[in-house]
Every structure is written in structure tokens, then in C-alpha cells.
C-alpha atoms as a PDB file:
ATOM      1  CA  MET A   1    -167.061  62.608 285.030  1.00  0.00           C
ATOM      2  CA  GLU A   2    -165.340  65.930 284.057  1.00  0.00           C
ATOM      3  CA  LYS A   3    -161.492  65.550 283.691  1.00  0.00           C
ATOM      4  CA  PHE A   4    -160.892  68.267 286.181  1.00  0.00           C
ATOM      5  CA  THR A   5    -162.910  66.639 288.942  1.00  0.00           C
ATOM      6  CA  LYS A   6    -161.479  63.097 288.200  1.00  0.00           C
ATOM      7  CA  ILE A   7    -157.813  64.386 288.483  1.00  0.00           C
ATOM      8  CA  SER A   8    -158.559  66.172 291.716  1.00  0.00           C
ATOM      9  CA  LEU A   9    -160.051  63.087 293.155  1.00  0.00           C
ATOM     10  CA  LEU A  10    -157.241  60.861 291.881  1.00  0.00           C
ATOM     11  CA  LEU A  11    -154.766  63.341 293.491  1.00  0.00           C
ATOM     12  CA  ASP A  12    -156.505  62.978 296.955  1.00  0.00           C
ATOM     13  CA  ILE A  13    -156.056  59.201 296.550  1.00  0.00           C
ATOM     14  CA  TYR A  14    -152.687  58.660 294.857  1.00  0.00           C
ATOM     15  CA  GLY A  15    -151.148  61.998 295.443  1.00  0.00           C
ATOM     16  CA  ASN A  16    -148.583  60.922 297.979  1.00  0.00           C
ATOM     17  CA  LEU A  17    -147.144  58.439 295.297  1.00  0.00           C
ATOM     18  CA  LEU A  18    -146.115  61.341 293.251  1.00  0.00           C
ATOM     19  CA  LYS A  19    -142.781  63.188 293.681  1.00  0.00           C
ATOM     20  CA  GLY A  20    -141.873  66.744 294.394  1.00  0.00           C
ATOM     21  CA  ARG A  21    -142.799  69.493 292.145  1.00  0.00           C
ATOM     22  CA  ARG A  22    -145.066  67.306 289.995  1.00  0.00           C
ATOM     23  CA  LYS A  23    -147.329  66.621 293.011  1.00  0.00           C
ATOM     24  CA  GLU A  24    -147.115  70.249 293.964  1.00  0.00           C
ATOM     25  CA  ALA A  25    -147.936  71.523 290.565  1.00  0.00           C
ATOM     26  CA  LEU A  26    -150.945  69.250 290.336  1.00  0.00           C
ATOM     27  CA  ASN A  27    -152.197  70.375 293.752  1.00  0.00           C
ATOM     28  CA  LEU A  28    -151.743  74.029 292.916  1.00  0.00           C
ATOM     29  CA  TYR A  29    -153.634  73.708 289.579  1.00  0.00           C
ATOM     30  CA  TYR A  30    -156.344  71.352 290.293  1.00  0.00           C
ATOM     31  CA  ASN A  31    -157.050  71.933 294.116  1.00  0.00           C
ATOM     32  CA  GLU A  32    -155.967  75.529 294.764  1.00  0.00           C
ATOM     33  CA  ASP A  33    -156.987  76.897 291.365  1.00  0.00           C
ATOM     34  CA  TYR A  34    -153.767  78.479 290.468  1.00  0.00           C
ATOM     35  CA  SER A  35    -153.105  79.244 286.786  1.00  0.00           C
ATOM     36  CA  LEU A  36    -150.285  77.890 284.702  1.00  0.00           C
ATOM     37  CA  THR A  37    -148.497  81.405 284.718  1.00  0.00           C
ATOM     38  CA  GLU A  38    -148.767  81.580 288.723  1.00  0.00           C
ATOM     39  CA  ILE A  39    -147.289  78.201 289.117  1.00  0.00           C
ATOM     40  CA  ALA A  40    -144.629  78.899 286.490  1.00  0.00           C
ATOM     41  CA  GLU A  41    -143.666  82.059 288.565  1.00  0.00           C
ATOM     42  CA  MET A  42    -143.564  80.132 291.804  1.00  0.00           C
ATOM     43  CA  PHE A  43    -141.313  77.384 290.259  1.00  0.00           C
ATOM     44  CA  ALA A  44    -139.420  79.844 288.357  1.00  0.00           C
ATOM     45  CA  ILE A  45    -139.842  77.829 285.200  1.00  0.00           C
ATOM     46  CA  SER A  46    -141.759  78.315 281.908  1.00  0.00           C
ATOM     47  CA  LYS A  47    -145.446  77.752 281.409  1.00  0.00           C
ATOM     48  CA  GLN A  48    -144.504  74.762 279.168  1.00  0.00           C
ATOM     49  CA  GLY A  49    -142.463  73.273 282.117  1.00  0.00           C
ATOM     50  CA  VAL A  50    -145.522  73.512 284.245  1.00  0.00           C
ATOM     51  CA  ARG A  51    -147.706  71.903 281.670  1.00  0.00           C
ATOM     52  CA  ASP A  52    -145.116  69.072 281.349  1.00  0.00           C
ATOM     53  CA  PHE A  53    -145.459  68.484 285.158  1.00  0.00           C
ATOM     54  CA  LEU A  54    -149.323  68.525 284.803  1.00  0.00           C
ATOM     55  CA  VAL A  55    -149.457  66.057 281.829  1.00  0.00           C
ATOM     56  CA  LYS A  56    -147.002  63.623 283.270  1.00  0.00           C
ATOM     57  CA  GLY A  57    -148.578  63.772 286.648  1.00  0.00           C
ATOM     58  CA  GLU A  58    -152.042  63.268 285.159  1.00  0.00           C
ATOM     59  CA  LYS A  59    -150.733  60.257 283.262  1.00  0.00           C
ATOM     60  CA  GLU A  60    -149.133  58.809 286.505  1.00  0.00           C
ATOM     61  CA  LEU A  61    -152.406  59.215 288.370  1.00  0.00           C
ATOM     62  CA  LEU A  62    -154.516  57.607 285.704  1.00  0.00           C
ATOM     63  CA  GLY A  63    -152.001  54.784 285.634  1.00  0.00           C
ATOM     64  CA  TYR A  64    -152.309  54.286 289.290  1.00  0.00           C
ATOM     65  CA  GLU A  65    -156.105  54.092 289.009  1.00  0.00           C
ATOM     66  CA  GLU A  66    -156.015  51.744 286.072  1.00  0.00           C
ATOM     67  CA  SER A  67    -153.818  49.306 288.006  1.00  0.00           C
ATOM     68  CA  LEU A  68    -155.458  49.781 291.533  1.00  0.00           C
ATOM     69  CA  GLY A  69    -159.041  50.904 290.796  1.00  0.00           C
ATOM     70  CA  ILE A  70    -159.486  52.589 294.183  1.00  0.00           C
ATOM     71  CA  LEU A  71    -161.650  55.361 292.839  1.00  0.00           C
ATOM     72  CA  GLU A  72    -163.844  52.982 290.778  1.00  0.00           C
ATOM     73  CA  GLU A  73    -164.273  50.968 293.799  1.00  0.00           C
ATOM     74  CA  LYS A  74    -165.463  53.954 295.879  1.00  0.00           C
ATOM     75  CA  PHE A  75    -168.014  54.830 293.229  1.00  0.00           C
ATOM     76  CA  ARG A  76    -169.281  51.242 293.273  1.00  0.00           C
ATOM     77  CA  GLN A  77    -169.490  51.252 297.145  1.00  0.00           C
ATOM     78  CA  ASP A  78    -171.113  54.768 297.145  1.00  0.00           C
ATOM     79  CA  LYS A  79    -173.755  53.444 294.497  1.00  0.00           C
ATOM     80  CA  ILE A  80    -174.647  50.451 296.800  1.00  0.00           C
ATOM     81  CA  LEU A  81    -174.860  52.549 299.952  1.00  0.00           C
ATOM     82  CA  ASN A  82    -177.151  54.894 298.224  1.00  0.00           C
ATOM     83  CA  LYS A  83    -179.334  51.890 297.098  1.00  0.00           C
ATOM     84  CA  LEU A  84    -179.481  50.666 300.817  1.00  0.00           C
ATOM     85  CA  LEU A  85    -180.863  54.131 301.853  1.00  0.00           C
ATOM     86  CA  GLU A  86    -183.936  53.475 299.512  1.00  0.00           C
ATOM     87  CA  TYR A  87    -184.726  50.031 300.944  1.00  0.00           C
ATOM     88  CA  ASP A  88    -187.351  49.352 303.533  1.00  0.00           C
ATOM     89  CA  GLU A  89    -186.863  45.552 303.688  1.00  0.00           C
ATOM     90  CA  ALA A  90    -184.181  44.157 305.974  1.00  0.00           C
ATOM     91  CA  GLU A  91    -183.317  41.369 303.660  1.00  0.00           C
ATOM     92  CA  LYS A  92    -182.352  43.636 300.847  1.00  0.00           C
ATOM     93  CA  ILE A  93    -180.399  45.632 303.296  1.00  0.00           C
ATOM     94  CA  LYS A  94    -178.452  42.629 304.232  1.00  0.00           C
ATOM     95  CA  GLU A  95    -177.867  41.738 300.659  1.00  0.00           C
ATOM     96  CA  GLY A  96    -176.312  45.160 299.986  1.00  0.00           C
ATOM     97  CA  ILE A  97    -174.060  44.984 302.952  1.00  0.00           C
ATOM     98  CA  ARG A  98    -172.940  41.479 301.952  1.00  0.00           C
ATOM     99  CA  SER A  99    -171.957  42.830 298.513  1.00  0.00           C
ATOM    100  CA  LEU A 100    -169.935  45.494 300.205  1.00  0.00           C
ATOM    101  CA  ILE A 101    -168.191  43.143 302.558  1.00  0.00           C
ATOM    102  CA  TYR A 102    -167.484  40.367 299.981  1.00  0.00           C
ATOM    103  CA  TYR A 103    -166.805  42.730 297.077  1.00  0.00           C
ATOM    104  CA  GLU A 104    -169.525  41.291 294.938  1.00  0.00           C
ATOM    105  CA  LYS A 105    -170.505  42.863 291.647  1.00  0.00           C
ATOM    106  CA  GLU A 106    -174.062  43.889 291.115  1.00  0.00           C
END
């Protein structure tokens, strides 16, 4: 998955765990498509300062995902649900639902 997309998704999941300007900078950059220069002007800091917010925020988000794995679990569930849409047999559908309920690995 592209880094930009992954950070945006992680921000949606874990964004409320970030503090102040770090969260705001990540949101402006990844979700609102602001440039480093535009964010720097808004915050009245250098572009390097904005870059530091982004790098530290990205690292924090990736750390949360490594510990909690919510995005990975969502992708696992989506994969199972997409397979269920392909099945015609009730028994296979039941197996897929069981794997979602009981967090079984495929």
C-alpha cells in the first residue's frame, strides 16, 4: 500500500491519540492536501518544523499500528467479507462468519 494512503488511514484510526499541532499538521498534509509551505505559514514556523511534526507523527501512528494492529485487522476482515460475497453455499458462508466472530486466521 502506498505510504500516503496508509498514513491517511492510520490517522483516521489513531489520530485522536496524537497531540495538538502534530495531529493538525498530519491532517492538513495527508487529508486536506496542504503543502509544507502552506502549513508552515499557518503555524508560523519553518518548513523543517512542519516536516518534523510529520515525521514524528508518522512514526507515532506506525507505532500504534504495530502495537494494536487495527488497520491490519480491518483488511483481514474486508478480505473475508469479500470472499463471502463470492460464495453460493450456506456452509462456506457460515465458516467465513465464524472466522470473523472468533478472529480465526485463514
